[in-house]
């Protein structure tokens, strides 16, 4: 993923990067079980927020039908 500020790859050198090591095991397990992040790979925090909020909206939205 590209960092939105430096337009370089978002990795450990980017301040927005979140490593699974930065989170506790429960959070990593929960986020990976719902498809927000991978257990072994980190990601850009902005992407994580977007995926998490998208998942919350999906789970809490009722459609007419």
PDB file of N, CA and C in Angstrom:
ATOM      1  N   UNK A   1       0.839  -1.180   0.000  1.00  0.00           N
ATOM      2  CA  UNK A   1       0.000   0.000   0.000  1.00  0.00           C
ATOM      3  C   UNK A   1       0.883   1.242   0.000  1.00  0.00           C
ATOM      4  N   UNK A   2       0.438   2.258  -0.664  1.00  0.00           N
ATOM      5  CA  UNK A   2       1.178   3.507  -0.757  1.00  0.00           C
ATOM      6  C   UNK A   2       0.764   4.446   0.366  1.00  0.00           C
ATOM      7  N   UNK A   3       1.753   5.076   0.977  1.00  0.00           N
ATOM      8  CA  UNK A   3       1.496   6.051   2.032  1.00  0.00           C
ATOM      9  C   UNK A   3       0.850   7.289   1.404  1.00  0.00           C
ATOM     10  N   UNK A   4      -0.241   7.791   1.971  1.00  0.00           N
ATOM     11  CA  UNK A   4      -0.909   8.951   1.379  1.00  0.00           C
ATOM     12  C   UNK A   4      -0.124  10.262   1.495  1.00  0.00           C
ATOM     13  N   UNK A   5       0.889  10.284   2.341  1.00  0.00           N
ATOM     14  CA  UNK A   5       1.646  11.514   2.526  1.00  0.00           C
ATOM     15  C   UNK A   5       2.947  11.551   1.743  1.00  0.00           C
ATOM     16  N   UNK A   6       3.677  10.442   1.722  1.00  0.00           N
ATOM     17  CA  UNK A   6       4.963  10.440   1.045  1.00  0.00           C
ATOM     18  C   UNK A   6       4.911   9.774  -0.319  1.00  0.00           C
ATOM     19  N   UNK A   7       3.806   9.125  -0.650  1.00  0.00           N
ATOM     20  CA  UNK A   7       3.618   8.390  -1.890  1.00  0.00           C
ATOM     21  C   UNK A   7       4.675   7.306  -2.078  1.00  0.00           C
ATOM     22  N   UNK A   8       5.162   6.768  -0.963  1.00  0.00           N
ATOM     23  CA  UNK A   8       6.055   5.616  -0.963  1.00  0.00           C
ATOM     24  C   UNK A   8       5.299   4.467  -0.325  1.00  0.00           C
ATOM     25  N   UNK A   9       5.892   3.288  -0.372  1.00  0.00           N
ATOM     26  CA  UNK A   9       5.245   2.127   0.239  1.00  0.00           C
ATOM     27  C   UNK A   9       5.097   2.339   1.745  1.00  0.00           C
ATOM     28  N   UNK A  10       3.937   2.015   2.266  1.00  0.00           N
ATOM     29  CA  UNK A  10       3.704   2.125   3.707  1.00  0.00           C
ATOM     30  C   UNK A  10       4.302   0.886   4.372  1.00  0.00           C
ATOM     31  N   UNK A  11       5.430   1.084   5.037  1.00  0.00           N
ATOM     32  CA  UNK A  11       6.110  -0.011   5.724  1.00  0.00           C
ATOM     33  C   UNK A  11       6.592   0.495   7.074  1.00  0.00           C
ATOM     34  N   UNK A  12       7.482  -0.226   7.711  1.00  0.00           N
ATOM     35  CA  UNK A  12       7.935   0.124   9.065  1.00  0.00           C
ATOM     36  C   UNK A  12       8.546   1.514   9.175  1.00  0.00           C
ATOM     37  N   UNK A  13       9.001   2.079   8.069  1.00  0.00           N
ATOM     38  CA  UNK A  13       9.591   3.418   8.120  1.00  0.00           C
ATOM     39  C   UNK A  13       8.536   4.522   8.098  1.00  0.00           C
ATOM     40  N   UNK A  14       7.307   4.174   7.763  1.00  0.00           N
ATOM     41  CA  UNK A  14       6.217   5.155   7.683  1.00  0.00           C
ATOM     42  C   UNK A  14       5.568   5.323   9.057  1.00  0.00           C
ATOM     43  N   UNK A  15       5.324   6.548   9.504  1.00  0.00           N
ATOM     44  CA  UNK A  15       4.709   6.749  10.818  1.00  0.00           C
ATOM     45  C   UNK A  15       3.266   6.248  10.903  1.00  0.00           C
ATOM     46  N   UNK A  16       2.608   6.022   9.773  1.00  0.00           N
ATOM     47  CA  UNK A  16       1.234   5.531   9.774  1.00  0.00           C
ATOM     48  C   UNK A  16       1.138   4.013   9.821  1.00  0.00           C
ATOM     49  N   UNK A  17       2.269   3.342   9.700  1.00  0.00           N
ATOM     50  CA  UNK A  17       2.292   1.878   9.663  1.00  0.00           C
ATOM     51  C   UNK A  17       2.001   1.288  11.036  1.00  0.00           C
ATOM     52  N   UNK A  18       1.113   0.299  11.069  1.00  0.00           N
ATOM     53  CA  UNK A  18       0.821  -0.423  12.309  1.00  0.00           C
ATOM     54  C   UNK A  18       1.225  -1.872  12.111  1.00  0.00           C
ATOM     55  N   UNK A  19       2.117  -2.319  12.946  1.00  0.00           N
ATOM     56  CA  UNK A  19       2.576  -3.701  12.935  1.00  0.00           C
ATOM     57  C   UNK A  19       1.682  -4.521  13.857  1.00  0.00           C
ATOM     58  N   UNK A  20       1.465  -5.816  13.542  1.00  0.00           N
ATOM     59  CA  UNK A  20       0.712  -6.653  14.479  1.00  0.00           C
ATOM     60  C   UNK A  20       1.374  -6.712  15.853  1.00  0.00           C
ATOM     61  N   UNK A  21       2.675  -6.476  15.911  1.00  0.00           N
ATOM     62  CA  UNK A  21       3.383  -6.455  17.194  1.00  0.00           C
ATOM     63  C   UNK A  21       2.985  -5.256  18.054  1.00  0.00           C
ATOM     64  N   UNK A  22       2.422  -4.217  17.419  1.00  0.00           N
ATOM     65  CA  UNK A  22       1.982  -3.025  18.154  1.00  0.00           C
ATOM     66  C   UNK A  22       0.632  -3.233  18.829  1.00  0.00           C
ATOM     67  N   UNK A  23      -0.067  -4.294  18.460  1.00  0.00           N
ATOM     68  CA  UNK A  23      -1.407  -4.567  18.976  1.00  0.00           C
ATOM     69  C   UNK A  23      -1.374  -5.815  19.848  1.00  0.00           C
ATOM     70  N   UNK A  24      -2.346  -5.953  20.735  1.00  0.00           N
ATOM     71  CA  UNK A  24      -2.366  -7.175  21.532  1.00  0.00           C
ATOM     72  C   UNK A  24      -2.945  -8.325  20.689  1.00  0.00           C
ATOM     73  N   UNK A  25      -2.736  -9.547  21.130  1.00  0.00           N
ATOM     74  CA  UNK A  25      -3.115 -10.732  20.358  1.00  0.00           C
ATOM     75  C   UNK A  25      -4.620 -10.796  20.088  1.00  0.00           C
ATOM     76  N   UNK A  26      -5.420 -10.384  21.055  1.00  0.00           N
ATOM     77  CA  UNK A  26      -6.868 -10.419  20.883  1.00  0.00           C
ATOM     78  C   UNK A  26      -7.308  -9.507  19.736  1.00  0.00           C
ATOM     79  N   UNK A  27      -6.769  -8.292  19.701  1.00  0.00           N
ATOM     80  CA  UNK A  27      -7.131  -7.336  18.658  1.00  0.00           C
ATOM     81  C   UNK A  27      -6.694  -7.850  17.294  1.00  0.00           C
ATOM     82  N   UNK A  28      -5.485  -8.367  17.206  1.00  0.00           N
ATOM     83  CA  UNK A  28      -4.991  -8.914  15.934  1.00  0.00           C
ATOM     84  C   UNK A  28      -5.872 -10.080  15.488  1.00  0.00           C
ATOM     85  N   UNK A  29      -6.213 -10.964  16.401  1.00  0.00           N
ATOM     86  CA  UNK A  29      -7.057 -12.115  16.061  1.00  0.00           C
ATOM     87  C   UNK A  29      -8.434 -11.664  15.580  1.00  0.00           C
ATOM     88  N   UNK A  30      -9.012 -10.699  16.279  1.00  0.00           N
ATOM     89  CA  UNK A  30     -10.345 -10.218  15.897  1.00  0.00           C
ATOM     90  C   UNK A  30     -10.311  -9.519  14.543  1.00  0.00           C
ATOM     91  N   UNK A  31      -9.338  -8.636  14.335  1.00  0.00           N
ATOM     92  CA  UNK A  31      -9.263  -7.918  13.066  1.00  0.00           C
ATOM     93  C   UNK A  31      -8.953  -8.848  11.900  1.00  0.00           C
ATOM     94  N   UNK A  32      -8.139  -9.853  12.140  1.00  0.00           N
ATOM     95  CA  UNK A  32      -7.837 -10.790  11.052  1.00  0.00           C
ATOM     96  C   UNK A  32      -9.010 -11.720  10.785  1.00  0.00           C
ATOM     97  N   UNK A  33      -9.789 -12.052  11.805  1.00  0.00           N
ATOM     98  CA  UNK A  33     -10.938 -12.951  11.593  1.00  0.00           C
ATOM     99  C   UNK A  33     -12.052 -12.283  10.788  1.00  0.00           C
ATOM    100  N   UNK A  34     -12.156 -10.956  10.860  1.00  0.00           N
ATOM    101  CA  UNK A  34     -13.170 -10.269  10.069  1.00  0.00           C
ATOM    102  C   UNK A  34     -12.606  -9.693   8.773  1.00  0.00           C
ATOM    103  N   UNK A  35     -11.354  -9.989   8.492  1.00  0.00           N
ATOM    104  CA  UNK A  35     -10.764  -9.604   7.217  1.00  0.00           C
ATOM    105  C   UNK A  35     -10.218  -8.199   7.130  1.00  0.00           C
ATOM    106  N   UNK A  36      -9.995  -7.557   8.260  1.00  0.00           N
ATOM    107  CA  UNK A  36      -9.458  -6.198   8.233  1.00  0.00           C
ATOM    108  C   UNK A  36      -7.945  -6.200   8.038  1.00  0.00           C
ATOM    109  N   UNK A  37      -7.249  -7.112   8.693  1.00  0.00           N
ATOM    110  CA  UNK A  37      -5.792  -7.182   8.527  1.00  0.00           C
ATOM    111  C   UNK A  37      -5.333  -8.626   8.549  1.00  0.00           C
ATOM    112  N   UNK A  38      -4.097  -8.855   8.139  1.00  0.00           N
ATOM    113  CA  UNK A  38      -3.506 -10.176   8.185  1.00  0.00           C
ATOM    114  C   UNK A  38      -2.739 -10.324   9.491  1.00  0.00           C
ATOM    115  N   UNK A  39      -2.703 -11.539  10.027  1.00  0.00           N
ATOM    116  CA  UNK A  39      -2.041 -11.771  11.324  1.00  0.00           C
ATOM    117  C   UNK A  39      -0.552 -11.468  11.304  1.00  0.00           C
ATOM    118  N   UNK A  40       0.114 -11.690  10.193  1.00  0.00           N
ATOM    119  CA  UNK A  40       1.575 -11.544  10.133  1.00  0.00           C
ATOM    120  C   UNK A  40       2.033 -10.239   9.506  1.00  0.00           C
ATOM    121  N   UNK A  41       1.163  -9.563   8.754  1.00  0.00           N
ATOM    122  CA  UNK A  41       1.571  -8.361   8.031  1.00  0.00           C
ATOM    123  C   UNK A  41       0.921  -7.123   8.626  1.00  0.00           C
ATOM    124  N   UNK A  42       1.681  -6.070   8.714  1.00  0.00           N
ATOM    125  CA  UNK A  42       1.137  -4.802   9.175  1.00  0.00           C
ATOM    126  C   UNK A  42       0.481  -4.064   8.029  1.00  0.00           C
ATOM    127  N   UNK A  43      -0.044  -2.906   8.345  1.00  0.00           N
ATOM    128  CA  UNK A  43      -0.695  -2.115   7.314  1.00  0.00           C
ATOM    129  C   UNK A  43      -0.760  -0.649   7.721  1.00  0.00           C
ATOM    130  N   UNK A  44      -1.128   0.180   6.780  1.00  0.00           N
ATOM    131  CA  UNK A  44      -1.289   1.611   7.028  1.00  0.00           C
ATOM    132  C   UNK A  44      -2.475   1.819   7.964  1.00  0.00           C
ATOM    133  N   UNK A  45      -2.309   2.649   8.967  1.00  0.00           N
ATOM    134  CA  UNK A  45      -3.381   2.874   9.936  1.00  0.00           C
ATOM    135  C   UNK A  45      -4.617   3.477   9.285  1.00  0.00           C
ATOM    136  N   UNK A  46      -4.450   4.323   8.263  1.00  0.00           N
ATOM    137  CA  UNK A  46      -5.611   4.901   7.598  1.00  0.00           C
ATOM    138  C   UNK A  46      -6.413   3.827   6.879  1.00  0.00           C
ATOM    139  N   UNK A  47      -5.725   2.873   6.275  1.00  0.00           N
ATOM    140  CA  UNK A  47      -6.416   1.775   5.603  1.00  0.00           C
ATOM    141  C   UNK A  47      -7.140   0.909   6.636  1.00  0.00           C
ATOM    142  N   UNK A  48      -6.481   0.663   7.756  1.00  0.00           N
ATOM    143  CA  UNK A  48      -7.099  -0.143   8.806  1.00  0.00           C
ATOM    144  C   UNK A  48      -8.380   0.526   9.309  1.00  0.00           C
ATOM    145  N   UNK A  49      -8.333   1.834   9.509  1.00  0.00           N
ATOM    146  CA  UNK A  49      -9.531   2.557   9.953  1.00  0.00           C
ATOM    147  C   UNK A  49     -10.652   2.460   8.925  1.00  0.00           C
ATOM    148  N   UNK A  50     -10.305   2.621   7.664  1.00  0.00           N
ATOM    149  CA  UNK A  50     -11.319   2.559   6.614  1.00  0.00           C
ATOM    150  C   UNK A  50     -11.947   1.172   6.535  1.00  0.00           C
ATOM    151  N   UNK A  51     -11.124   0.129   6.584  1.00  0.00           N
ATOM    152  CA  UNK A  51     -11.655  -1.230   6.528  1.00  0.00           C
ATOM    153  C   UNK A  51     -12.501  -1.552   7.750  1.00  0.00           C
ATOM    154  N   UNK A  52     -12.063  -1.111   8.913  1.00  0.00           N
ATOM    155  CA  UNK A  52     -12.822  -1.366  10.144  1.00  0.00           C
ATOM    156  C   UNK A  52     -14.173  -0.668  10.119  1.00  0.00           C
ATOM    157  N   UNK A  53     -14.190   0.584   9.718  1.00  0.00           N
ATOM    158  CA  UNK A  53     -15.445   1.333   9.668  1.00  0.00           C
ATOM    159  C   UNK A  53     -16.372   0.776   8.596  1.00  0.00           C
ATOM    160  N   UNK A  54     -15.807   0.384   7.465  1.00  0.00           N
ATOM    161  CA  UNK A  54     -16.619  -0.235   6.420  1.00  0.00           C
ATOM    162  C   UNK A  54     -17.265  -1.514   6.906  1.00  0.00           C
ATOM    163  N   UNK A  55     -16.523  -2.310   7.640  1.00  0.00           N
ATOM    164  CA  UNK A  55     -17.063  -3.552   8.189  1.00  0.00           C
ATOM    165  C   UNK A  55     -18.159  -3.268   9.211  1.00  0.00           C
ATOM    166  N   UNK A  56     -17.952  -2.271  10.064  1.00  0.00           N
ATOM    167  CA  UNK A  56     -18.961  -1.917  11.073  1.00  0.00           C
ATOM    168  C   UNK A  56     -20.243  -1.431  10.402  1.00  0.00           C
ATOM    169  N   UNK A  57     -20.117  -0.620   9.380  1.00  0.00           N
ATOM    170  CA  UNK A  57     -21.295  -0.136   8.658  1.00  0.00           C
ATOM    171  C   UNK A  57     -22.030  -1.306   8.010  1.00  0.00           C
ATOM    172  N   UNK A  58     -21.289  -2.201   7.386  1.00  0.00           N
ATOM    173  CA  UNK A  58     -21.885  -3.369   6.738  1.00  0.00           C
ATOM    174  C   UNK A  58     -22.651  -4.229   7.736  1.00  0.00           C
ATOM    175  N   UNK A  59     -22.060  -4.472   8.895  1.00  0.00           N
ATOM    176  CA  UNK A  59     -22.692  -5.334   9.882  1.00  0.00           C
ATOM    177  C   UNK A  59     -23.881  -4.691  10.579  1.00  0.00           C
ATOM    178  N   UNK A  60     -23.919  -3.376  10.631  1.00  0.00           N
ATOM    179  CA  UNK A  60     -24.976  -2.689  11.363  1.00  0.00           C
ATOM    180  C   UNK A  60     -26.007  -2.002  10.468  1.00  0.00           C
ATOM    181  N   UNK A  61     -26.003  -2.306   9.189  1.00  0.00           N
ATOM    182  CA  UNK A  61     -26.947  -1.715   8.263  1.00  0.00           C
ATOM    183  C   UNK A  61     -27.984  -2.741   7.848  1.00  0.00           C
ATOM    184  N   UNK A  62     -29.222  -2.324   7.910  1.00  0.00           N
ATOM    185  CA  UNK A  62     -30.310  -3.203   7.470  1.00  0.00           C
ATOM    186  C   UNK A  62     -30.865  -2.654   6.164  1.00  0.00           C
ATOM    187  N   UNK A  63     -31.079  -3.541   5.224  1.00  0.00           N
ATOM    188  CA  UNK A  63     -31.642  -3.123   3.942  1.00  0.00           C
ATOM    189  C   UNK A  63     -33.129  -3.455   3.910  1.00  0.00           C
ATOM    190  N   UNK A  64     -33.822  -2.738   3.099  1.00  0.00           N
ATOM    191  CA  UNK A  64     -35.249  -3.039   2.929  1.00  0.00           C
ATOM    192  C   UNK A  64     -35.354  -4.184   1.943  1.00  0.00           C
ATOM    193  N   UNK A  65     -36.150  -5.107   2.253  1.00  0.00           N
ATOM    194  CA  UNK A  65     -36.257  -6.168   1.274  1.00  0.00           C
ATOM    195  C   UNK A  65     -37.039  -7.268   1.724  1.00  0.00           C
TER     196      UNK A  65
END
